[in-house]
Amino acid sequence: MKFIYTIAVFGVLFSVLLLSGCTSTPQQAPVQTAVPTTAVVMTSPTPTPVPFPNALSLNQYATFGNGEHQGKATVYRYQEKPDYSWTDPSWNSPSEQLAASDPLDVQRGYNLEKPKEGNTFLFVYVRVENTGTGTIYAPSNTQFVVVKDGKTYNYTSVHGSDVIISTVSDSQYRYMRGQRDPIEYIQPGDYSNAKVEGYLIYEIPAPFSPDTTYVAGNLDYKNSAVWKLV
C-alpha cells in the first residue's frame, strides 16, 4: 500500500510540475537598441587671407610719374618706441612751455612724448628720389598711412621743422631741419634736394607686430604702393 501511495504522490507532483511548465510565459531576451553614430569629419583650419599679397619688402622701390617727371619711393626701415624725447630751440623757451603745460612739467632740455593708454609709437622711414630729367612733386606726409589689423592710421606731426628727437639722427620726412616750409619739389640730377627722406610717426595700438602692419602710399594720382615690415 505504501508503495502504491508513494507512486501516486510522485505522479501528482509530476503532473503539477508539467502543467506549470507548459502554462508559464517564456521570458523574452532584452532588445538592444542600436545607438546611431555620427561621423566626425576632420577639416583643416582656413588660413587667414593676406591683406596685401603683392606688398613690397623694405628697401624695395616703387616707381611713379611719367615722361621726364619720374621718381621712386621706398620704406627703408622702422622703429617702435613706447615713448620718445624731443627738443626744439624755439618751442623750448620757458614762455611757450608754460603756455602748453603745467609749470611743474617745464623742461628746458628734452620733452617726453607719450602715447595714449594702450598705444605705442611707430617710426616709419620713407625715401623718395627723382629718377627723371624734370622736377617731380614729392608725395606729402598725409599720402603715407599705416595699416594695422585692417585699420588705417595717419601720421602725427612733430612740433616744428627743427625738432630733434633723442637717438634719432633724421628729421621728419619732407622737412629740412632748420627750415619752416616743407619740401614740395625734388630736383633731378645732383641737386641737394634730388632726394627726400626721413621719418613719419604713427601712434598705433600696442602690441606692435610687423607681421600684421603695412605702410601704404599714394605716390601720385595713379600710382600707389604697399610695403610690408617683415
Protein backbone atom coordinates (compact mmCIF):
# COMPACT_ATOMS: atom_id res chain seq x y z
CA MET A 1 0.00 0.00 0.00
CA LYS A 2 2.74 2.43 0.92
CA PHE A 3 4.47 1.79 -2.36
CA ILE A 4 1.34 2.48 -4.33
CA TYR A 5 0.68 5.58 -2.22
CA THR A 6 4.21 6.89 -2.87
CA ILE A 7 3.84 6.37 -6.62
CA ALA A 8 0.56 8.22 -6.55
CA VAL A 9 2.11 11.18 -4.70
CA PHE A 10 5.00 11.38 -7.18
CA GLY A 11 2.52 11.18 -10.04
CA VAL A 12 0.57 14.15 -8.70
CA LEU A 13 3.73 16.23 -8.20
CA PHE A 14 4.96 15.35 -11.71
CA SER A 15 1.63 16.43 -13.19
CA VAL A 16 1.74 19.74 -11.28
CA LEU A 17 5.29 20.48 -12.48
CA LEU A 18 4.40 19.54 -16.04
CA LEU A 19 1.34 21.79 -16.08
CA SER A 20 3.15 24.76 -14.54
CA GLY A 21 5.94 24.44 -17.11
CA CYS A 22 3.50 24.39 -20.00
CA THR A 23 1.46 27.34 -18.82
CA SER A 24 4.30 29.65 -17.78
CA THR A 25 5.08 32.53 -20.18
CA PRO A 26 8.54 32.22 -21.68
CA GLN A 27 10.85 35.18 -20.91
CA GLN A 28 11.91 37.29 -23.90
CA ALA A 29 15.51 38.29 -24.35
CA PRO A 30 16.07 42.05 -23.84
CA VAL A 31 16.03 44.01 -27.09
CA GLN A 32 19.15 46.09 -27.58
CA THR A 33 18.58 49.34 -29.49
CA ALA A 34 21.49 50.35 -31.68
CA VAL A 35 22.70 53.92 -31.00
CA PRO A 36 23.41 55.74 -34.27
CA THR A 37 26.94 57.08 -34.52
CA THR A 38 27.82 60.47 -36.05
CA ALA A 39 30.78 60.51 -38.38
CA VAL A 40 33.43 63.11 -37.35
CA VAL A 41 34.88 64.92 -40.34
CA MET A 42 38.31 66.45 -39.72
CA THR A 43 38.74 69.76 -41.53
CA SER A 44 41.85 71.86 -41.85
CA PRO A 45 41.67 75.42 -40.42
CA THR A 46 41.03 78.09 -43.02
CA PRO A 47 44.20 80.16 -43.46
CA THR A 48 43.91 83.88 -42.71
CA PRO A 49 43.97 85.79 -46.01
CA VAL A 50 46.94 88.09 -46.55
CA PRO A 51 45.57 91.65 -46.95
CA PHE A 52 48.31 92.77 -49.37
CA PRO A 53 49.76 89.69 -51.10
CA ASN A 54 51.83 91.82 -53.50
CA ALA A 55 53.30 94.11 -50.82
CA LEU A 56 56.87 95.27 -51.37
CA SER A 57 59.66 94.49 -48.93
CA LEU A 58 61.68 97.06 -47.00
CA ASN A 59 64.13 98.92 -49.28
CA GLN A 60 62.23 97.80 -52.38
CA TYR A 61 61.31 100.75 -54.62
CA ALA A 62 58.01 101.62 -56.28
CA THR A 63 58.09 103.93 -59.30
CA PHE A 64 55.72 106.76 -60.17
CA GLY A 65 55.38 109.63 -62.63
CA ASN A 66 55.88 109.56 -66.40
CA GLY A 67 58.00 111.06 -69.14
CA GLU A 68 60.63 113.46 -67.81
CA HIS A 69 58.97 113.57 -64.40
CA GLN A 70 59.64 110.22 -62.79
CA GLY A 71 60.62 109.13 -59.32
CA LYS A 72 60.83 106.20 -56.97
CA ALA A 73 59.89 105.72 -53.33
CA THR A 74 60.55 103.19 -50.61
CA VAL A 75 60.15 102.48 -46.91
CA TYR A 76 63.65 101.62 -45.76
CA ARG A 77 63.24 100.89 -42.04
CA TYR A 78 61.04 101.28 -38.98
CA GLN A 79 61.32 101.63 -35.20
CA GLU A 80 58.85 101.05 -32.40
CA LYS A 81 59.08 103.41 -29.41
CA PRO A 82 56.84 103.29 -26.32
CA ASP A 83 57.71 107.00 -25.93
CA TYR A 84 60.37 109.42 -27.13
CA SER A 85 62.18 112.56 -26.01
CA TRP A 86 62.47 115.61 -28.23
CA THR A 87 63.79 119.16 -28.13
CA ASP A 88 63.27 122.27 -30.23
CA PRO A 89 65.22 125.52 -29.80
CA SER A 90 62.14 127.73 -30.25
CA TRP A 91 59.49 125.59 -28.56
CA ASN A 92 61.70 125.02 -25.52
CA SER A 93 61.53 128.66 -24.50
CA PRO A 94 60.08 128.99 -20.95
CA SER A 95 57.14 131.11 -22.13
CA GLU A 96 55.98 128.55 -24.72
CA GLN A 97 56.32 125.64 -22.32
CA LEU A 98 54.41 127.47 -19.60
CA ALA A 99 51.61 128.13 -22.06
CA ALA A 100 51.47 124.48 -23.12
CA SER A 101 51.85 122.60 -19.85
CA ASP A 102 51.71 122.76 -16.08
CA PRO A 103 54.62 124.80 -14.61
CA LEU A 104 55.84 121.74 -12.72
CA ASP A 105 56.32 119.91 -16.04
CA VAL A 106 58.52 122.56 -17.67
CA GLN A 107 61.69 121.09 -19.16
CA ARG A 108 64.33 123.29 -20.69
CA GLY A 109 66.00 120.38 -22.45
CA TYR A 110 64.17 117.36 -23.80
CA ASN A 111 60.42 116.86 -23.58
CA LEU A 112 58.91 113.42 -23.14
CA GLU A 113 56.21 112.47 -25.65
CA LYS A 114 53.87 109.70 -24.52
CA PRO A 115 51.13 107.92 -26.50
CA LYS A 116 47.62 107.34 -25.23
CA GLU A 117 46.99 104.45 -22.87
CA GLY A 118 47.36 101.16 -24.74
CA ASN A 119 49.19 102.69 -27.73
CA THR A 120 52.76 102.83 -28.96
CA PHE A 121 54.71 104.95 -31.47
CA LEU A 122 55.84 103.55 -34.81
CA PHE A 123 58.55 105.45 -36.71
CA VAL A 124 58.42 104.72 -40.45
CA TYR A 125 61.35 105.90 -42.59
CA VAL A 126 60.46 106.99 -46.14
CA ARG A 127 62.75 107.89 -49.04
CA VAL A 128 61.74 109.48 -52.38
CA GLU A 129 64.19 110.06 -55.24
CA ASN A 130 63.96 111.81 -58.58
CA THR A 131 64.90 109.42 -61.41
CA GLY A 132 63.83 111.60 -64.35
CA THR A 133 65.19 114.73 -66.00
CA GLY A 134 62.49 117.11 -64.78
CA THR A 135 61.23 118.27 -61.41
CA ILE A 136 58.81 116.00 -59.59
CA TYR A 137 56.36 116.65 -56.79
CA ALA A 138 57.23 114.85 -53.57
CA PRO A 139 54.33 112.86 -52.07
CA SER A 140 53.09 114.62 -48.95
CA ASN A 141 53.22 113.19 -45.44
CA THR A 142 49.48 112.54 -45.49
CA GLN A 143 49.85 110.32 -48.56
CA PHE A 144 51.50 107.65 -46.41
CA VAL A 145 49.41 105.72 -43.90
CA VAL A 146 49.95 102.71 -41.67
CA VAL A 147 47.53 99.79 -41.95
CA LYS A 148 47.41 97.53 -38.91
CA ASP A 149 44.90 94.69 -38.44
CA GLY A 150 42.69 96.18 -41.12
CA LYS A 151 42.62 99.72 -39.65
CA THR A 152 44.30 102.83 -41.07
CA TYR A 153 46.37 105.32 -39.06
CA ASN A 154 47.59 108.77 -40.12
CA TYR A 155 50.94 110.25 -39.19
CA THR A 156 51.43 112.54 -36.19
CA SER A 157 53.47 115.65 -36.99
CA VAL A 158 56.35 116.85 -34.86
CA HIS A 159 56.08 120.32 -33.31
CA GLY A 160 58.40 122.04 -35.78
CA SER A 161 60.91 121.63 -38.59
CA ASP A 162 63.95 121.88 -36.30
CA VAL A 163 62.76 119.26 -33.79
CA ILE A 164 65.49 116.87 -32.67
CA ILE A 165 64.45 113.50 -31.27
CA SER A 166 66.80 111.72 -28.92
CA THR A 167 68.65 108.78 -30.57
CA VAL A 168 67.12 109.69 -33.97
CA SER A 169 69.52 111.40 -36.40
CA ASP A 170 66.96 112.02 -39.16
CA SER A 171 64.33 114.72 -39.39
CA GLN A 172 60.68 114.32 -40.28
CA TYR A 173 60.05 113.38 -43.92
CA ARG A 174 59.56 116.43 -46.17
CA TYR A 175 61.19 118.75 -43.62
CA MET A 176 64.69 120.15 -43.98
CA ARG A 177 65.94 120.79 -40.47
CA GLY A 178 66.01 124.49 -39.70
CA GLN A 179 63.52 125.43 -42.46
CA ARG A 180 59.88 126.21 -41.75
CA ASP A 181 58.40 125.20 -45.10
CA PRO A 182 58.11 121.54 -46.07
CA ILE A 183 59.78 120.34 -49.27
CA GLU A 184 57.37 120.05 -52.18
CA TYR A 185 59.56 119.53 -55.25
CA ILE A 186 62.50 117.22 -55.88
CA GLN A 187 65.05 118.32 -58.45
CA PRO A 188 66.75 115.94 -60.89
CA GLY A 189 70.46 115.19 -61.07
CA ASP A 190 72.95 116.20 -58.39
CA TYR A 191 70.89 118.87 -56.66
CA SER A 192 70.90 118.87 -52.87
CA ASN A 193 67.20 118.08 -52.84
CA ALA A 194 67.28 115.34 -55.51
CA LYS A 195 66.30 113.00 -52.68
CA VAL A 196 63.97 113.46 -49.71
CA GLU A 197 63.97 111.08 -46.77
CA GLY A 198 63.04 111.00 -43.11
CA TYR A 199 60.68 109.53 -40.54
CA LEU A 200 56.94 109.69 -40.12
CA ILE A 201 55.48 108.99 -36.67
CA TYR A 202 52.32 106.96 -36.19
CA GLU A 203 50.50 106.25 -32.94
CA ILE A 204 49.05 102.75 -33.16
CA PRO A 205 47.59 100.22 -30.71
CA ALA A 206 50.01 98.00 -28.81
CA PRO A 207 51.32 95.40 -29.10
CA PHE A 208 53.00 96.09 -32.42
CA SER A 209 53.66 93.18 -34.77
CA PRO A 210 55.45 93.69 -38.11
CA ASP A 211 53.64 90.62 -39.45
CA THR A 212 50.31 92.43 -39.46
CA THR A 213 51.46 96.00 -40.15
CA TYR A 214 51.85 97.64 -43.56
CA VAL A 215 52.69 101.08 -44.97
CA ALA A 216 50.56 102.26 -47.90
CA GLY A 217 51.47 105.23 -50.04
CA ASN A 218 49.61 107.12 -52.77
CA LEU A 219 52.62 108.29 -54.76
CA ASP A 220 50.69 110.28 -57.36
CA TYR A 221 47.21 110.37 -58.92
CA LYS A 222 47.56 106.92 -60.50
CA ASN A 223 50.41 105.10 -58.71
CA SER A 224 50.32 103.59 -55.23
CA ALA A 225 52.32 101.01 -53.32
CA VAL A 226 52.24 98.98 -50.12
CA TRP A 227 55.23 97.86 -48.08
CA LYS A 228 55.36 95.06 -45.54
CA LEU A 229 57.51 95.47 -42.43
CA VAL A 230 58.97 91.93 -42.44
